[in-house]
Amino acid sequence: MAIKYFVKAAVSEFQGDDGKMKKRYQSIGVVMETKHGLMLKLESLPIFAFKEGAVLAYLNVPEDKADSKPIDKLEEDIPF
């Protein structure tokens, strides 16, 4: 089963360094492709984020991990 989307919900707000209000998001599950169609797997439900009896969630496409290096390809000399 391949992950098609990550499901994220806005759970709180905070004031950023620029003084503007920003939202804090929490990953609450995934949408997977199965042989019978799409399947939603909820891993948590942020009940404190309920507004008017519902939680709004965003579907985010998984990002490519092309810029990350495998652990065996890391530099030998770590500057500490």
PDB file of N, CA and C in Angstrom:
ATOM      1  N   MET A   1       0.836  -1.175   0.000  1.00  0.00           N
ATOM      2  CA  MET A   1       0.000   0.000   0.000  1.00  0.00           C
ATOM      3  C   MET A   1       0.884   1.242   0.000  1.00  0.00           C
ATOM      4  N   ALA A   2       0.752   2.027  -1.026  1.00  0.00           N
ATOM      5  CA  ALA A   2       1.564   3.222  -1.170  1.00  0.00           C
ATOM      6  C   ALA A   2       0.849   4.424  -0.556  1.00  0.00           C
ATOM      7  N   ILE A   3       1.602   5.246   0.137  1.00  0.00           N
ATOM      8  CA  ILE A   3       1.041   6.466   0.724  1.00  0.00           C
ATOM      9  C   ILE A   3       0.851   7.498  -0.376  1.00  0.00           C
ATOM     10  N   LYS A   4      -0.385   7.976  -0.525  1.00  0.00           N
ATOM     11  CA  LYS A   4      -0.712   8.988  -1.530  1.00  0.00           C
ATOM     12  C   LYS A   4      -0.692  10.388  -0.929  1.00  0.00           C
ATOM     13  N   TYR A   5      -1.164  10.526   0.310  1.00  0.00           N
ATOM     14  CA  TYR A   5      -1.247  11.826   0.978  1.00  0.00           C
ATOM     15  C   TYR A   5      -0.957  11.674   2.461  1.00  0.00           C
ATOM     16  N   PHE A   6      -0.414  12.734   3.040  1.00  0.00           N
ATOM     17  CA  PHE A   6      -0.333  12.864   4.484  1.00  0.00           C
ATOM     18  C   PHE A   6      -1.491  13.754   4.911  1.00  0.00           C
ATOM     19  N   VAL A   7      -2.180  13.400   5.986  1.00  0.00           N
ATOM     20  CA  VAL A   7      -3.327  14.159   6.471  1.00  0.00           C
ATOM     21  C   VAL A   7      -2.855  14.984   7.665  1.00  0.00           C
ATOM     22  N   LYS A   8      -3.023  16.327   7.555  1.00  0.00           N
ATOM     23  CA  LYS A   8      -2.581  17.230   8.614  1.00  0.00           C
ATOM     24  C   LYS A   8      -3.711  18.173   8.988  1.00  0.00           C
ATOM     25  N   ALA A   9      -3.799  18.489  10.285  1.00  0.00           N
ATOM     26  CA  ALA A   9      -4.844  19.379  10.780  1.00  0.00           C
ATOM     27  C   ALA A   9      -4.204  20.546  11.523  1.00  0.00           C
ATOM     28  N   ALA A  10      -4.810  21.726  11.392  1.00  0.00           N
ATOM     29  CA  ALA A  10      -4.378  22.896  12.154  1.00  0.00           C
ATOM     30  C   ALA A  10      -4.871  22.711  13.585  1.00  0.00           C
ATOM     31  N   VAL A  11      -3.947  22.665  14.549  1.00  0.00           N
ATOM     32  CA  VAL A  11      -4.326  22.366  15.927  1.00  0.00           C
ATOM     33  C   VAL A  11      -4.224  23.566  16.858  1.00  0.00           C
ATOM     34  N   SER A  12      -3.440  24.575  16.489  1.00  0.00           N
ATOM     35  CA  SER A  12      -3.324  25.761  17.334  1.00  0.00           C
ATOM     36  C   SER A  12      -2.751  26.913  16.520  1.00  0.00           C
ATOM     37  N   GLU A  13      -2.690  28.066  17.150  1.00  0.00           N
ATOM     38  CA  GLU A  13      -2.113  29.251  16.506  1.00  0.00           C
ATOM     39  C   GLU A  13      -1.049  29.843  17.410  1.00  0.00           C
ATOM     40  N   PHE A  14      -0.086  30.517  16.804  1.00  0.00           N
ATOM     41  CA  PHE A  14       0.961  31.196  17.569  1.00  0.00           C
ATOM     42  C   PHE A  14       1.367  32.453  16.823  1.00  0.00           C
ATOM     43  N   GLN A  15       2.024  33.348  17.538  1.00  0.00           N
ATOM     44  CA  GLN A  15       2.486  34.580  16.922  1.00  0.00           C
ATOM     45  C   GLN A  15       3.925  34.387  16.460  1.00  0.00           C
ATOM     46  N   GLY A  16       4.146  34.575  15.156  1.00  0.00           N
ATOM     47  CA  GLY A  16       5.473  34.398  14.583  1.00  0.00           C
ATOM     48  C   GLY A  16       6.393  35.562  14.897  1.00  0.00           C
ATOM     49  N   ASP A  17       7.648  35.434  14.496  1.00  0.00           N
ATOM     50  CA  ASP A  17       8.644  36.479  14.727  1.00  0.00           C
ATOM     51  C   ASP A  17       8.267  37.791  14.056  1.00  0.00           C
ATOM     52  N   ASP A  18       7.496  37.698  12.961  1.00  0.00           N
ATOM     53  CA  ASP A  18       7.080  38.898  12.239  1.00  0.00           C
ATOM     54  C   ASP A  18       5.821  39.527  12.831  1.00  0.00           C
ATOM     55  N   GLY A  19       5.288  38.968  13.931  1.00  0.00           N
ATOM     56  CA  GLY A  19       4.112  39.511  14.588  1.00  0.00           C
ATOM     57  C   GLY A  19       2.791  38.994  14.046  1.00  0.00           C
ATOM     58  N   LYS A  20       2.814  38.220  12.969  1.00  0.00           N
ATOM     59  CA  LYS A  20       1.592  37.691  12.374  1.00  0.00           C
ATOM     60  C   LYS A  20       1.216  36.370  13.037  1.00  0.00           C
ATOM     61  N   MET A  21      -0.086  36.107  13.094  1.00  0.00           N
ATOM     62  CA  MET A  21      -0.571  34.845  13.642  1.00  0.00           C
ATOM     63  C   MET A  21      -0.365  33.740  12.606  1.00  0.00           C
ATOM     64  N   LYS A  22       0.176  32.618  13.059  1.00  0.00           N
ATOM     65  CA  LYS A  22       0.440  31.468  12.190  1.00  0.00           C
ATOM     66  C   LYS A  22      -0.189  30.236  12.816  1.00  0.00           C
ATOM     67  N   LYS A  23      -0.437  29.221  11.990  1.00  0.00           N
ATOM     68  CA  LYS A  23      -1.049  27.985  12.472  1.00  0.00           C
ATOM     69  C   LYS A  23       0.005  26.904  12.671  1.00  0.00           C
ATOM     70  N   ARG A  24      -0.207  26.092  13.680  1.00  0.00           N
ATOM     71  CA  ARG A  24       0.643  24.938  13.942  1.00  0.00           C
ATOM     72  C   ARG A  24      -0.138  23.707  13.491  1.00  0.00           C
ATOM     73  N   TYR A  25       0.507  22.855  12.711  1.00  0.00           N
ATOM     74  CA  TYR A  25      -0.143  21.677  12.138  1.00  0.00           C
ATOM     75  C   TYR A  25       0.374  20.406  12.781  1.00  0.00           C
ATOM     76  N   GLN A  26      -0.495  19.415  12.854  1.00  0.00           N
ATOM     77  CA  GLN A  26      -0.135  18.103  13.383  1.00  0.00           C
ATOM     78  C   GLN A  26      -0.539  17.045  12.369  1.00  0.00           C
ATOM     79  N   SER A  27       0.346  16.091  12.129  1.00  0.00           N
ATOM     80  CA  SER A  27       0.032  14.972  11.246  1.00  0.00           C
ATOM     81  C   SER A  27      -0.930  14.043  11.991  1.00  0.00           C
ATOM     82  N   ILE A  28      -2.085  13.744  11.353  1.00  0.00           N
ATOM     83  CA  ILE A  28      -3.083  12.908  12.028  1.00  0.00           C
ATOM     84  C   ILE A  28      -3.337  11.595  11.300  1.00  0.00           C
ATOM     85  N   GLY A  29      -2.714  11.380  10.136  1.00  0.00           N
ATOM     86  CA  GLY A  29      -2.911  10.125   9.422  1.00  0.00           C
ATOM     87  C   GLY A  29      -2.377  10.163   8.012  1.00  0.00           C
ATOM     88  N   VAL A  30      -2.754   9.153   7.232  1.00  0.00           N
ATOM     89  CA  VAL A  30      -2.317   9.034   5.840  1.00  0.00           C
ATOM     90  C   VAL A  30      -3.474   8.518   4.985  1.00  0.00           C
ATOM     91  N   VAL A  31      -3.401   8.800   3.686  1.00  0.00           N
ATOM     92  CA  VAL A  31      -4.302   8.207   2.711  1.00  0.00           C
ATOM     93  C   VAL A  31      -3.447   7.269   1.869  1.00  0.00           C
ATOM     94  N   MET A  32      -3.874   5.992   1.781  1.00  0.00           N
ATOM     95  CA  MET A  32      -3.103   4.985   1.061  1.00  0.00           C
ATOM     96  C   MET A  32      -3.886   4.479  -0.140  1.00  0.00           C
ATOM     97  N   GLU A  33      -3.155   4.059  -1.161  1.00  0.00           N
ATOM     98  CA  GLU A  33      -3.750   3.440  -2.352  1.00  0.00           C
ATOM     99  C   GLU A  33      -3.780   1.935  -2.126  1.00  0.00           C
ATOM    100  N   THR A  34      -4.977   1.335  -2.207  1.00  0.00           N
ATOM    101  CA  THR A  34      -5.114  -0.109  -2.063  1.00  0.00           C
ATOM    102  C   THR A  34      -5.722  -0.669  -3.346  1.00  0.00           C
ATOM    103  N   LYS A  35      -5.837  -1.979  -3.420  1.00  0.00           N
ATOM    104  CA  LYS A  35      -6.417  -2.572  -4.628  1.00  0.00           C
ATOM    105  C   LYS A  35      -7.905  -2.269  -4.748  1.00  0.00           C
ATOM    106  N   HIS A  36      -8.538  -1.820  -3.666  1.00  0.00           N
ATOM    107  CA  HIS A  36      -9.961  -1.474  -3.680  1.00  0.00           C
ATOM    108  C   HIS A  36     -10.196   0.034  -3.747  1.00  0.00           C
ATOM    109  N   GLY A  37      -9.139   0.815  -3.847  1.00  0.00           N
ATOM    110  CA  GLY A  37      -9.276   2.277  -3.900  1.00  0.00           C
ATOM    111  C   GLY A  37      -8.505   2.945  -2.774  1.00  0.00           C
ATOM    112  N   LEU A  38      -8.818   4.206  -2.522  1.00  0.00           N
ATOM    113  CA  LEU A  38      -8.121   4.961  -1.478  1.00  0.00           C
ATOM    114  C   LEU A  38      -8.647   4.576  -0.102  1.00  0.00           C
ATOM    115  N   MET A  39      -7.719   4.534   0.893  1.00  0.00           N
ATOM    116  CA  MET A  39      -8.071   4.192   2.265  1.00  0.00           C
ATOM    117  C   MET A  39      -7.475   5.246   3.191  1.00  0.00           C
ATOM    118  N   LEU A  40      -8.281   5.722   4.143  1.00  0.00           N
ATOM    119  CA  LEU A  40      -7.825   6.699   5.135  1.00  0.00           C
ATOM    120  C   LEU A  40      -7.472   5.977   6.420  1.00  0.00           C
ATOM    121  N   LYS A  41      -6.260   6.214   6.911  1.00  0.00           N
ATOM    122  CA  LYS A  41      -5.826   5.657   8.193  1.00  0.00           C
ATOM    123  C   LYS A  41      -5.611   6.825   9.148  1.00  0.00           C
ATOM    124  N   LEU A  42      -6.501   6.983  10.122  1.00  0.00           N
ATOM    125  CA  LEU A  42      -6.341   8.021  11.138  1.00  0.00           C
ATOM    126  C   LEU A  42      -5.484   7.467  12.265  1.00  0.00           C
ATOM    127  N   GLU A  43      -4.412   8.170  12.587  1.00  0.00           N
ATOM    128  CA  GLU A  43      -3.504   7.723  13.636  1.00  0.00           C
ATOM    129  C   GLU A  43      -3.726   8.493  14.935  1.00  0.00           C
ATOM    130  N   SER A  44      -4.322   9.675  14.834  1.00  0.00           N
ATOM    131  CA  SER A  44      -4.691  10.451  16.013  1.00  0.00           C
ATOM    132  C   SER A  44      -5.805  11.403  15.620  1.00  0.00           C
ATOM    133  N   LEU A  45      -6.538  11.869  16.605  1.00  0.00           N
ATOM    134  CA  LEU A  45      -7.613  12.805  16.357  1.00  0.00           C
ATOM    135  C   LEU A  45      -7.499  13.929  17.383  1.00  0.00           C
ATOM    136  N   PRO A  46      -7.077  15.104  16.959  1.00  0.00           N
ATOM    137  CA  PRO A  46      -6.859  16.211  17.901  1.00  0.00           C
ATOM    138  C   PRO A  46      -8.192  16.835  18.325  1.00  0.00           C
ATOM    139  N   ILE A  47      -8.803  16.291  19.378  1.00  0.00           N
ATOM    140  CA  ILE A  47     -10.132  16.754  19.768  1.00  0.00           C
ATOM    141  C   ILE A  47     -10.127  18.206  20.235  1.00  0.00           C
ATOM    142  N   PHE A  48      -8.989  18.709  20.685  1.00  0.00           N
ATOM    143  CA  PHE A  48      -8.915  20.109  21.087  1.00  0.00           C
ATOM    144  C   PHE A  48      -8.948  21.044  19.882  1.00  0.00           C
ATOM    145  N   ALA A  49      -8.834  20.504  18.669  1.00  0.00           N
ATOM    146  CA  ALA A  49      -8.878  21.317  17.454  1.00  0.00           C
ATOM    147  C   ALA A  49     -10.284  21.358  16.849  1.00  0.00           C
ATOM    148  N   PHE A  50     -11.258  20.721  17.498  1.00  0.00           N
ATOM    149  CA  PHE A  50     -12.628  20.730  16.985  1.00  0.00           C
ATOM    150  C   PHE A  50     -13.169  22.148  16.971  1.00  0.00           C
ATOM    151  N   LYS A  51     -13.727  22.546  15.849  1.00  0.00           N
ATOM    152  CA  LYS A  51     -14.393  23.838  15.725  1.00  0.00           C
ATOM    153  C   LYS A  51     -15.749  23.585  15.095  1.00  0.00           C
ATOM    154  N   GLU A  52     -16.802  23.962  15.788  1.00  0.00           N
ATOM    155  CA  GLU A  52     -18.168  23.759  15.314  1.00  0.00           C
ATOM    156  C   GLU A  52     -18.446  22.282  15.029  1.00  0.00           C
ATOM    157  N   GLY A  53     -17.891  21.390  15.855  1.00  0.00           N
ATOM    158  CA  GLY A  53     -18.174  19.971  15.732  1.00  0.00           C
ATOM    159  C   GLY A  53     -17.390  19.222  14.672  1.00  0.00           C
ATOM    160  N   ALA A  54     -16.350  19.825  14.112  1.00  0.00           N
ATOM    161  CA  ALA A  54     -15.593  19.159  13.045  1.00  0.00           C
ATOM    162  C   ALA A  54     -14.111  19.545  13.115  1.00  0.00           C
ATOM    163  N   VAL A  55     -13.275  18.705  12.527  1.00  0.00           N
ATOM    164  CA  VAL A  55     -11.854  18.998  12.356  1.00  0.00           C
ATOM    165  C   VAL A  55     -11.597  19.103  10.861  1.00  0.00           C
ATOM    166  N   LEU A  56     -11.029  20.224  10.429  1.00  0.00           N
ATOM    167  CA  LEU A  56     -10.645  20.373   9.027  1.00  0.00           C
ATOM    168  C   LEU A  56      -9.225  19.864   8.855  1.00  0.00           C
ATOM    169  N   ALA A  57      -8.993  19.080   7.818  1.00  0.00           N
ATOM    170  CA  ALA A  57      -7.676  18.501   7.588  1.00  0.00           C
ATOM    171  C   ALA A  57      -7.249  18.756   6.148  1.00  0.00           C
ATOM    172  N   TYR A  58      -5.946  18.865   5.956  1.00  0.00           N
ATOM    173  CA  TYR A  58      -5.351  19.065   4.638  1.00  0.00           C
ATOM    174  C   TYR A  58      -4.719  17.769   4.164  1.00  0.00           C
ATOM    175  N   LEU A  59      -4.768  17.540   2.855  1.00  0.00           N
ATOM    176  CA  LEU A  59      -4.076  16.406   2.249  1.00  0.00           C
ATOM    177  C   LEU A  59      -2.832  16.940   1.572  1.00  0.00           C
ATOM    178  N   ASN A  60      -1.671  16.506   2.026  1.00  0.00           N
ATOM    179  CA  ASN A  60      -0.404  16.936   1.466  1.00  0.00           C
ATOM    180  C   ASN A  60       0.262  15.791   0.730  1.00  0.00           C
ATOM    181  N   VAL A  61       0.681  16.035  -0.500  1.00  0.00           N
ATOM    182  CA  VAL A  61       1.384  15.039  -1.306  1.00  0.00           C
ATOM    183  C   VAL A  61       2.761  14.808  -0.685  1.00  0.00           C
ATOM    184  N   PRO A  62       3.196  13.549  -0.546  1.00  0.00           N
ATOM    185  CA  PRO A  62       4.536  13.280  -0.015  1.00  0.00           C
ATOM    186  C   PRO A  62       5.608  13.947  -0.867  1.00  0.00           C
ATOM    187  N   GLU A  63       6.590  14.529  -0.204  1.00  0.00           N
ATOM    188  CA  GLU A  63       7.689  15.189  -0.905  1.00  0.00           C
ATOM    189  C   GLU A  63       8.766  14.171  -1.254  1.00  0.00           C
ATOM    190  N   ASP A  64       9.498  14.456  -2.326  1.00  0.00           N
ATOM    191  CA  ASP A  64      10.620  13.595  -2.698  1.00  0.00           C
ATOM    192  C   ASP A  64      11.722  13.716  -1.667  1.00  0.00           C
ATOM    193  N   LYS A  65      12.347  12.619  -1.373  1.00  0.00           N
ATOM    194  CA  LYS A  65      13.476  12.596  -0.454  1.00  0.00           C
ATOM    195  C   LYS A  65      14.788  12.583  -1.231  1.00  0.00           C
ATOM    196  N   ALA A  66      14.798  13.134  -2.441  1.00  0.00           N
ATOM    197  CA  ALA A  66      15.972  13.096  -3.310  1.00  0.00           C
ATOM    198  C   ALA A  66      17.147  13.873  -2.728  1.00  0.00           C
ATOM    199  N   ASP A  67      16.861  14.922  -1.944  1.00  0.00           N
ATOM    200  CA  ASP A  67      17.948  15.728  -1.417  1.00  0.00           C
ATOM    201  C   ASP A  67      18.572  15.134  -0.155  1.00  0.00           C
ATOM    202  N   SER A  68      17.981  14.083   0.419  1.00  0.00           N
ATOM    203  CA  SER A  68      18.568  13.453   1.591  1.00  0.00           C
ATOM    204  C   SER A  68      19.577  12.392   1.157  1.00  0.00           C
ATOM    205  N   LYS A  69      20.616  12.230   1.986  1.00  0.00           N
ATOM    206  CA  LYS A  69      21.674  11.268   1.666  1.00  0.00           C
ATOM    207  C   LYS A  69      21.474   9.986   2.471  1.00  0.00           C
ATOM    208  N   PRO A  70      21.786   8.846   1.875  1.00  0.00           N
ATOM    209  CA  PRO A  70      21.783   7.608   2.666  1.00  0.00           C
ATOM    210  C   PRO A  70      22.845   7.696   3.754  1.00  0.00           C
ATOM    211  N   ILE A  71      22.625   7.014   4.848  1.00  0.00           N
ATOM    212  CA  ILE A  71      23.532   7.132   5.982  1.00  0.00           C
ATOM    213  C   ILE A  71      24.945   6.661   5.657  1.00  0.00           C
ATOM    214  N   ASP A  72      25.094   5.727   4.723  1.00  0.00           N
ATOM    215  CA  ASP A  72      26.436   5.263   4.386  1.00  0.00           C
ATOM    216  C   ASP A  72      27.164   6.236   3.452  1.00  0.00           C
ATOM    217  N   LYS A  73      26.503   7.278   2.971  1.00  0.00           N
ATOM    218  CA  LYS A  73      27.124   8.263   2.087  1.00  0.00           C
ATOM    219  C   LYS A  73      27.467   9.568   2.808  1.00  0.00           C
ATOM    220  N   LEU A  74      27.292   9.610   4.122  1.00  0.00           N
ATOM    221  CA  LEU A  74      27.596  10.819   4.876  1.00  0.00           C
ATOM    222  C   LEU A  74      29.097  11.045   4.937  1.00  0.00           C
ATOM    223  N   GLU A  75      29.460  12.289   5.139  1.00  0.00           N
ATOM    224  CA  GLU A  75      30.894  12.625   5.214  1.00  0.00           C
ATOM    225  C   GLU A  75      31.532  11.951   6.424  1.00  0.00           C
ATOM    226  N   GLU A  76      32.780  11.564   6.256  1.00  0.00           N
ATOM    227  CA  GLU A  76      33.508  10.894   7.337  1.00  0.00           C
ATOM    228  C   GLU A  76      33.880  11.861   8.438  1.00  0.00           C
ATOM    229  N   ASP A  77      34.323  13.059   8.054  1.00  0.00           N
ATOM    230  CA  ASP A  77      34.824  14.027   9.015  1.00  0.00           C
ATOM    231  C   ASP A  77      33.688  14.957   9.442  1.00  0.00           C
ATOM    232  N   ILE A  78      33.218  14.804  10.676  1.00  0.00           N
ATOM    233  CA  ILE A  78      32.154  15.654  11.209  1.00  0.00           C
ATOM    234  C   ILE A  78      32.821  16.724  12.071  1.00  0.00           C
ATOM    235  N   PRO A  79      32.653  17.997  11.709  1.00  0.00           N
ATOM    236  CA  PRO A  79      33.350  19.074  12.439  1.00  0.00           C
ATOM    237  C   PRO A  79      32.677  19.399  13.773  1.00  0.00           C
ATOM    238  N   PHE A  80      33.191  18.827  14.848  1.00  0.00           N
ATOM    239  CA  PHE A  80      32.694  19.150  16.187  1.00  0.00           C
ATOM    240  C   PHE A  80      33.680  20.020  16.902  1.00  0.00           C
TER     241      PHE A  80
END
